[in-house]
Amino acid sequence: MSSPWSTPPSKMPPFNFNGMKGLPSNFLMGGVIAVAALVVLFSTYFTIDQGERGVILHWGAVVGEAEPGLHFKMPIITTIQKISVQVQKEAFEKLGETDNRLQAYSRDQQPATIAMAVNYHVTDASAVYA
């Protein structure tokens, strides 16, 4: 019984586009080029939503900030990092319950409830990213 893979790998013929069910090699290469061109075309623009700012990076170095809207960029060289500039809230609450995990006491050993909230927002997105 012979196997079609019995040829040693060093003597295998190179990949041939002519054996692809009658499709010419120019047609297949044209398809590959068209797909690559579409990928590059669709990576040349970006949008920034309201409540966000974009930090523009050329090869990883901060070069500017993008306002909301539609913008264009160089496909491989430029990247965009989006940062929210909306008001953010971080809250912390600790209850004075009898459970060992949630106990807070005042100086005179009275159970206490502690609540803290911090509101903040980013004003300069490129400085935050840097």
N, C-alpha and C. Protein backbone atom coordinates (compact mmCIF):
# COMPACT_ATOMS: atom_id res chain seq x y z
N MET A 1 0.84 -1.16 0.00
CA MET A 1 0.00 0.00 0.00
C MET A 1 0.89 1.23 0.00
N SER A 2 0.73 2.12 -0.96
CA SER A 2 1.57 3.30 -1.04
C SER A 2 0.82 4.51 -0.48
N SER A 3 1.56 5.41 0.09
CA SER A 3 0.99 6.62 0.68
C SER A 3 1.35 7.83 -0.19
N PRO A 4 0.44 8.77 -0.36
CA PRO A 4 0.79 9.95 -1.15
C PRO A 4 1.83 10.81 -0.45
N TRP A 5 2.08 10.57 0.82
CA TRP A 5 3.04 11.36 1.58
C TRP A 5 4.36 10.64 1.75
N SER A 6 4.58 9.67 0.92
CA SER A 6 5.81 8.89 1.06
C SER A 6 7.04 9.63 0.53
N THR A 7 6.86 10.72 -0.21
CA THR A 7 7.99 11.49 -0.71
C THR A 7 8.64 12.21 0.47
N PRO A 8 9.95 12.14 0.59
CA PRO A 8 10.62 12.84 1.69
C PRO A 8 10.34 14.35 1.61
N PRO A 9 10.26 15.03 2.75
CA PRO A 9 9.93 16.45 2.76
C PRO A 9 10.92 17.30 1.98
N SER A 10 12.17 16.91 1.90
CA SER A 10 13.15 17.72 1.19
C SER A 10 12.93 17.68 -0.32
N LYS A 11 12.23 16.69 -0.85
CA LYS A 11 12.02 16.57 -2.29
C LYS A 11 10.59 16.90 -2.69
N MET A 12 9.81 17.49 -1.77
CA MET A 12 8.44 17.84 -2.11
C MET A 12 8.45 19.05 -3.04
N PRO A 13 7.59 19.06 -4.05
CA PRO A 13 7.55 20.19 -4.98
C PRO A 13 7.02 21.44 -4.28
N PRO A 14 7.41 22.63 -4.74
CA PRO A 14 6.89 23.87 -4.14
C PRO A 14 5.40 24.00 -4.41
N PHE A 15 4.73 24.81 -3.61
CA PHE A 15 3.29 25.00 -3.76
C PHE A 15 3.02 25.61 -5.12
N ASN A 16 2.06 25.03 -5.82
CA ASN A 16 1.77 25.44 -7.19
C ASN A 16 0.32 25.91 -7.25
N PHE A 17 0.10 27.18 -7.66
CA PHE A 17 -1.25 27.71 -7.78
C PHE A 17 -1.98 27.13 -8.99
N ASN A 18 -1.29 26.54 -9.95
CA ASN A 18 -1.93 26.04 -11.16
C ASN A 18 -2.79 24.81 -10.89
N GLY A 19 -2.59 24.14 -9.77
CA GLY A 19 -3.38 22.95 -9.48
C GLY A 19 -4.64 23.26 -8.72
N MET A 20 -5.06 24.51 -8.61
CA MET A 20 -6.21 24.90 -7.82
C MET A 20 -7.48 24.92 -8.65
N LYS A 21 -7.90 23.82 -9.17
CA LYS A 21 -9.17 23.64 -9.89
C LYS A 21 -9.35 24.63 -11.03
N GLY A 22 -8.31 24.89 -11.75
CA GLY A 22 -8.41 25.72 -12.94
C GLY A 22 -8.33 27.22 -12.71
N LEU A 23 -8.13 27.68 -11.47
CA LEU A 23 -8.01 29.11 -11.22
C LEU A 23 -6.60 29.56 -11.58
N PRO A 24 -6.46 30.61 -12.33
CA PRO A 24 -5.12 31.09 -12.67
C PRO A 24 -4.43 31.69 -11.43
N SER A 25 -3.12 31.63 -11.42
CA SER A 25 -2.36 32.13 -10.27
C SER A 25 -2.52 33.64 -10.11
N ASN A 26 -2.71 34.37 -11.21
CA ASN A 26 -2.90 35.82 -11.12
C ASN A 26 -4.20 36.15 -10.37
N PHE A 27 -5.22 35.34 -10.55
CA PHE A 27 -6.49 35.56 -9.88
C PHE A 27 -6.33 35.39 -8.36
N LEU A 28 -5.63 34.35 -7.94
CA LEU A 28 -5.43 34.11 -6.51
C LEU A 28 -4.54 35.17 -5.88
N MET A 29 -3.48 35.56 -6.56
CA MET A 29 -2.61 36.60 -6.02
C MET A 29 -3.34 37.94 -5.97
N GLY A 30 -4.18 38.21 -6.96
CA GLY A 30 -4.99 39.43 -6.95
C GLY A 30 -5.94 39.45 -5.76
N GLY A 31 -6.51 38.29 -5.41
CA GLY A 31 -7.39 38.20 -4.25
C GLY A 31 -6.65 38.47 -2.95
N VAL A 32 -5.44 37.93 -2.85
CA VAL A 32 -4.63 38.16 -1.64
C VAL A 32 -4.29 39.65 -1.52
N ILE A 33 -3.92 40.26 -2.63
CA ILE A 33 -3.58 41.69 -2.61
C ILE A 33 -4.81 42.53 -2.28
N ALA A 34 -5.98 42.16 -2.81
CA ALA A 34 -7.21 42.90 -2.53
C ALA A 34 -7.58 42.82 -1.05
N VAL A 35 -7.44 41.65 -0.45
CA VAL A 35 -7.74 41.50 0.98
C VAL A 35 -6.77 42.34 1.80
N ALA A 36 -5.50 42.33 1.46
CA ALA A 36 -4.51 43.13 2.18
C ALA A 36 -4.82 44.62 2.04
N ALA A 37 -5.22 45.05 0.84
CA ALA A 37 -5.56 46.46 0.62
C ALA A 37 -6.78 46.87 1.44
N LEU A 38 -7.78 45.99 1.56
CA LEU A 38 -8.96 46.29 2.37
C LEU A 38 -8.61 46.41 3.85
N VAL A 39 -7.73 45.55 4.34
CA VAL A 39 -7.31 45.62 5.74
C VAL A 39 -6.63 46.95 6.01
N VAL A 40 -5.73 47.37 5.12
CA VAL A 40 -5.04 48.64 5.29
C VAL A 40 -6.03 49.80 5.19
N LEU A 41 -6.97 49.75 4.25
CA LEU A 41 -7.95 50.81 4.07
C LEU A 41 -8.83 50.99 5.31
N PHE A 42 -9.31 49.89 5.88
CA PHE A 42 -10.18 49.98 7.04
C PHE A 42 -9.44 50.32 8.33
N SER A 43 -8.12 50.26 8.34
CA SER A 43 -7.37 50.62 9.54
C SER A 43 -6.81 52.04 9.44
N THR A 44 -7.27 52.84 8.47
CA THR A 44 -6.76 54.20 8.35
C THR A 44 -7.64 55.23 9.04
N TYR A 45 -8.80 54.85 9.57
CA TYR A 45 -9.64 55.82 10.26
C TYR A 45 -10.07 55.27 11.61
N PHE A 46 -10.45 56.19 12.49
CA PHE A 46 -10.94 55.81 13.81
C PHE A 46 -11.92 56.87 14.28
N THR A 47 -12.78 56.50 15.21
CA THR A 47 -13.73 57.44 15.78
C THR A 47 -13.55 57.50 17.29
N ILE A 48 -13.72 58.70 17.81
CA ILE A 48 -13.67 58.92 19.25
C ILE A 48 -15.08 59.36 19.67
N ASP A 49 -15.67 58.69 20.65
CA ASP A 49 -17.01 59.00 21.12
C ASP A 49 -16.99 60.21 22.06
N GLN A 50 -18.18 60.80 22.26
CA GLN A 50 -18.30 61.86 23.26
C GLN A 50 -18.02 61.24 24.62
N GLY A 51 -17.33 61.95 25.47
CA GLY A 51 -16.97 61.41 26.78
C GLY A 51 -15.66 60.66 26.76
N GLU A 52 -14.98 60.63 25.61
CA GLU A 52 -13.67 59.98 25.49
C GLU A 52 -12.70 60.94 24.81
N ARG A 53 -11.44 60.71 25.02
CA ARG A 53 -10.39 61.38 24.27
C ARG A 53 -9.44 60.28 23.81
N GLY A 54 -8.80 60.50 22.69
CA GLY A 54 -7.85 59.53 22.18
C GLY A 54 -6.43 60.03 22.32
N VAL A 55 -5.56 59.18 22.79
CA VAL A 55 -4.14 59.51 22.87
C VAL A 55 -3.49 58.95 21.62
N ILE A 56 -2.86 59.81 20.82
CA ILE A 56 -2.24 59.41 19.55
C ILE A 56 -0.80 58.99 19.82
N LEU A 57 -0.47 57.79 19.39
CA LEU A 57 0.87 57.23 19.59
C LEU A 57 1.49 56.91 18.24
N HIS A 58 2.72 57.41 17.99
CA HIS A 58 3.50 57.04 16.81
C HIS A 58 4.62 56.14 17.31
N TRP A 59 4.58 54.87 16.91
CA TRP A 59 5.54 53.86 17.34
C TRP A 59 5.62 53.80 18.87
N GLY A 60 4.51 54.05 19.57
CA GLY A 60 4.46 53.96 21.02
C GLY A 60 4.77 55.25 21.75
N ALA A 61 5.19 56.32 21.07
CA ALA A 61 5.47 57.60 21.72
C ALA A 61 4.25 58.50 21.61
N VAL A 62 3.93 59.19 22.71
CA VAL A 62 2.78 60.08 22.74
C VAL A 62 3.08 61.31 21.90
N VAL A 63 2.19 61.61 20.92
CA VAL A 63 2.40 62.79 20.08
C VAL A 63 1.21 63.75 20.12
N GLY A 64 0.10 63.37 20.70
CA GLY A 64 -1.03 64.28 20.75
C GLY A 64 -2.27 63.65 21.31
N GLU A 65 -3.34 64.43 21.20
CA GLU A 65 -4.63 64.01 21.74
C GLU A 65 -5.69 64.23 20.67
N ALA A 66 -6.62 63.29 20.53
CA ALA A 66 -7.68 63.37 19.54
C ALA A 66 -9.01 63.68 20.23
N GLU A 67 -9.70 64.68 19.72
CA GLU A 67 -11.01 65.07 20.23
C GLU A 67 -12.08 64.14 19.65
N PRO A 68 -13.32 64.20 20.16
CA PRO A 68 -14.39 63.35 19.61
C PRO A 68 -14.64 63.63 18.12
N GLY A 69 -14.92 62.57 17.38
CA GLY A 69 -15.22 62.68 15.96
C GLY A 69 -14.49 61.64 15.15
N LEU A 70 -14.55 61.81 13.83
CA LEU A 70 -13.89 60.91 12.89
C LEU A 70 -12.50 61.45 12.57
N HIS A 71 -11.48 60.59 12.62
CA HIS A 71 -10.10 60.99 12.37
C HIS A 71 -9.43 59.95 11.48
N PHE A 72 -8.34 60.36 10.85
CA PHE A 72 -7.56 59.45 10.01
C PHE A 72 -6.18 59.28 10.60
N LYS A 73 -5.55 58.13 10.32
CA LYS A 73 -4.23 57.83 10.85
C LYS A 73 -3.45 56.99 9.86
N MET A 74 -2.14 56.87 10.07
CA MET A 74 -1.32 55.97 9.27
C MET A 74 -1.51 54.56 9.80
N PRO A 75 -1.75 53.57 8.93
CA PRO A 75 -2.22 52.25 9.37
C PRO A 75 -1.33 51.51 10.37
N ILE A 76 -0.07 51.41 10.16
CA ILE A 76 0.77 50.58 11.03
C ILE A 76 1.53 51.43 12.03
N ILE A 77 1.87 52.63 11.65
CA ILE A 77 2.72 53.49 12.47
C ILE A 77 1.96 54.07 13.65
N THR A 78 0.73 54.50 13.45
CA THR A 78 -0.03 55.22 14.46
C THR A 78 -1.05 54.31 15.13
N THR A 79 -1.11 54.38 16.47
CA THR A 79 -2.14 53.68 17.24
C THR A 79 -2.85 54.70 18.13
N ILE A 80 -4.06 54.35 18.54
CA ILE A 80 -4.88 55.24 19.35
C ILE A 80 -5.31 54.49 20.61
N GLN A 81 -5.13 55.13 21.77
CA GLN A 81 -5.62 54.59 23.03
C GLN A 81 -6.72 55.51 23.52
N LYS A 82 -7.91 54.97 23.75
CA LYS A 82 -9.05 55.77 24.18
C LYS A 82 -9.08 55.82 25.70
N ILE A 83 -9.34 57.04 26.23
CA ILE A 83 -9.42 57.26 27.67
C ILE A 83 -10.72 58.00 27.96
N SER A 84 -11.49 57.51 28.94
CA SER A 84 -12.75 58.14 29.31
C SER A 84 -12.47 59.41 30.10
N VAL A 85 -13.17 60.50 29.76
CA VAL A 85 -13.05 61.75 30.51
C VAL A 85 -14.35 62.07 31.24
N GLN A 86 -15.26 61.11 31.33
CA GLN A 86 -16.48 61.29 32.09
C GLN A 86 -16.17 61.21 33.58
N VAL A 87 -17.06 61.75 34.38
CA VAL A 87 -16.87 61.71 35.83
C VAL A 87 -16.98 60.27 36.29
N GLN A 88 -15.97 59.81 36.99
CA GLN A 88 -15.93 58.45 37.52
C GLN A 88 -16.15 58.51 39.03
N LYS A 89 -16.74 57.48 39.58
CA LYS A 89 -17.00 57.43 41.02
C LYS A 89 -16.48 56.11 41.58
N GLU A 90 -15.68 56.22 42.61
CA GLU A 90 -15.21 55.05 43.36
C GLU A 90 -15.79 55.17 44.76
N ALA A 91 -16.47 54.14 45.23
CA ALA A 91 -17.12 54.17 46.54
C ALA A 91 -16.59 53.03 47.41
N PHE A 92 -16.52 53.30 48.69
CA PHE A 92 -16.09 52.32 49.68
C PHE A 92 -17.00 52.45 50.89
N GLU A 93 -17.49 51.34 51.37
CA GLU A 93 -18.36 51.37 52.54
C GLU A 93 -18.01 50.21 53.44
N LYS A 94 -17.87 50.50 54.71
CA LYS A 94 -17.57 49.48 55.70
C LYS A 94 -18.60 49.58 56.82
N LEU A 95 -19.33 48.50 57.03
CA LEU A 95 -20.42 48.50 58.00
C LEU A 95 -19.93 47.97 59.34
N GLY A 96 -20.49 48.49 60.42
CA GLY A 96 -20.14 48.04 61.76
C GLY A 96 -21.01 46.88 62.20
N GLU A 97 -20.97 45.77 61.50
CA GLU A 97 -21.78 44.60 61.82
C GLU A 97 -21.00 43.68 62.75
N THR A 98 -21.65 42.65 63.21
CA THR A 98 -21.00 41.70 64.12
C THR A 98 -20.16 40.68 63.37
N ASP A 99 -20.31 40.60 62.06
CA ASP A 99 -19.52 39.67 61.27
C ASP A 99 -18.05 40.08 61.35
N ASN A 100 -17.16 39.12 61.51
CA ASN A 100 -15.73 39.42 61.68
C ASN A 100 -15.12 40.12 60.47
N ARG A 101 -15.69 39.91 59.31
CA ARG A 101 -15.12 40.50 58.11
C ARG A 101 -15.44 41.99 57.99
N LEU A 102 -16.56 42.44 58.55
CA LEU A 102 -16.99 43.82 58.36
C LEU A 102 -17.13 44.53 59.69
N GLN A 103 -16.04 44.81 60.36
CA GLN A 103 -16.11 45.50 61.63
C GLN A 103 -15.26 46.76 61.58
N ALA A 104 -15.85 47.83 62.03
CA ALA A 104 -15.15 49.10 62.21
C ALA A 104 -15.62 49.68 63.53
N TYR A 105 -14.69 50.20 64.32
CA TYR A 105 -15.02 50.72 65.64
C TYR A 105 -14.42 52.09 65.82
N SER A 106 -15.09 52.91 66.62
CA SER A 106 -14.56 54.22 66.97
C SER A 106 -13.56 54.05 68.11
N ARG A 107 -12.97 55.17 68.57
CA ARG A 107 -11.96 55.10 69.62
C ARG A 107 -12.54 54.53 70.92
N ASP A 108 -13.80 54.81 71.21
CA ASP A 108 -14.40 54.31 72.44
C ASP A 108 -15.14 52.98 72.22
N GLN A 109 -14.75 52.23 71.20
CA GLN A 109 -15.25 50.88 70.91
C GLN A 109 -16.72 50.84 70.52
N GLN A 110 -17.22 51.89 69.93
CA GLN A 110 -18.58 51.90 69.41
C GLN A 110 -18.54 51.46 67.95
N PRO A 111 -19.46 50.57 67.51
CA PRO A 111 -19.48 50.17 66.10
C PRO A 111 -19.74 51.39 65.22
N ALA A 112 -19.05 51.44 64.12
CA ALA A 112 -19.17 52.60 63.23
C ALA A 112 -19.43 52.13 61.80
N THR A 113 -20.11 52.98 61.06
CA THR A 113 -20.32 52.77 59.63
C THR A 113 -19.51 53.82 58.89
N ILE A 114 -18.67 53.37 58.00
CA ILE A 114 -17.79 54.28 57.28
C ILE A 114 -18.17 54.23 55.80
N ALA A 115 -18.37 55.39 55.22
CA ALA A 115 -18.66 55.49 53.79
C ALA A 115 -17.79 56.58 53.19
N MET A 116 -17.19 56.27 52.07
CA MET A 116 -16.32 57.25 51.42
C MET A 116 -16.54 57.13 49.91
N ALA A 117 -16.58 58.26 49.23
CA ALA A 117 -16.73 58.26 47.78
C ALA A 117 -15.79 59.31 47.20
N VAL A 118 -15.20 58.98 46.06
CA VAL A 118 -14.30 59.89 45.37
C VAL A 118 -14.79 60.03 43.93
N ASN A 119 -15.03 61.25 43.52
CA ASN A 119 -15.40 61.54 42.13
C ASN A 119 -14.19 62.18 41.45
N TYR A 120 -13.89 61.73 40.24
CA TYR A 120 -12.76 62.29 39.50
C TYR A 120 -13.04 62.20 38.02
N HIS A 121 -12.32 62.99 37.25
CA HIS A 121 -12.36 62.90 35.80
C HIS A 121 -11.01 63.33 35.24
N VAL A 122 -10.70 62.86 34.06
CA VAL A 122 -9.44 63.14 33.40
C VAL A 122 -9.56 64.44 32.63
N THR A 123 -8.60 65.35 32.80
CA THR A 123 -8.62 66.60 32.06
C THR A 123 -7.61 66.62 30.91
N ASP A 124 -6.49 65.93 31.05
CA ASP A 124 -5.47 65.89 30.01
C ASP A 124 -5.13 64.42 29.74
N ALA A 125 -5.74 63.84 28.70
CA ALA A 125 -5.60 62.41 28.45
C ALA A 125 -4.17 62.02 28.08
N SER A 126 -3.47 62.86 27.32
CA SER A 126 -2.11 62.50 26.92
C SER A 126 -1.16 62.49 28.11
N ALA A 127 -1.36 63.38 29.09
CA ALA A 127 -0.51 63.38 30.27
C ALA A 127 -0.79 62.16 31.15
N VAL A 128 -2.04 61.74 31.21
CA VAL A 128 -2.39 60.55 31.99
C VAL A 128 -1.76 59.31 31.38
N TYR A 129 -1.80 59.21 30.05
CA TYR A 129 -1.26 58.02 29.40
C TYR A 129 0.26 57.97 29.50
N ALA A 130 0.90 59.13 29.41
CA ALA A 130 2.36 59.17 29.46
C ALA A 130 2.80 58.78 30.84
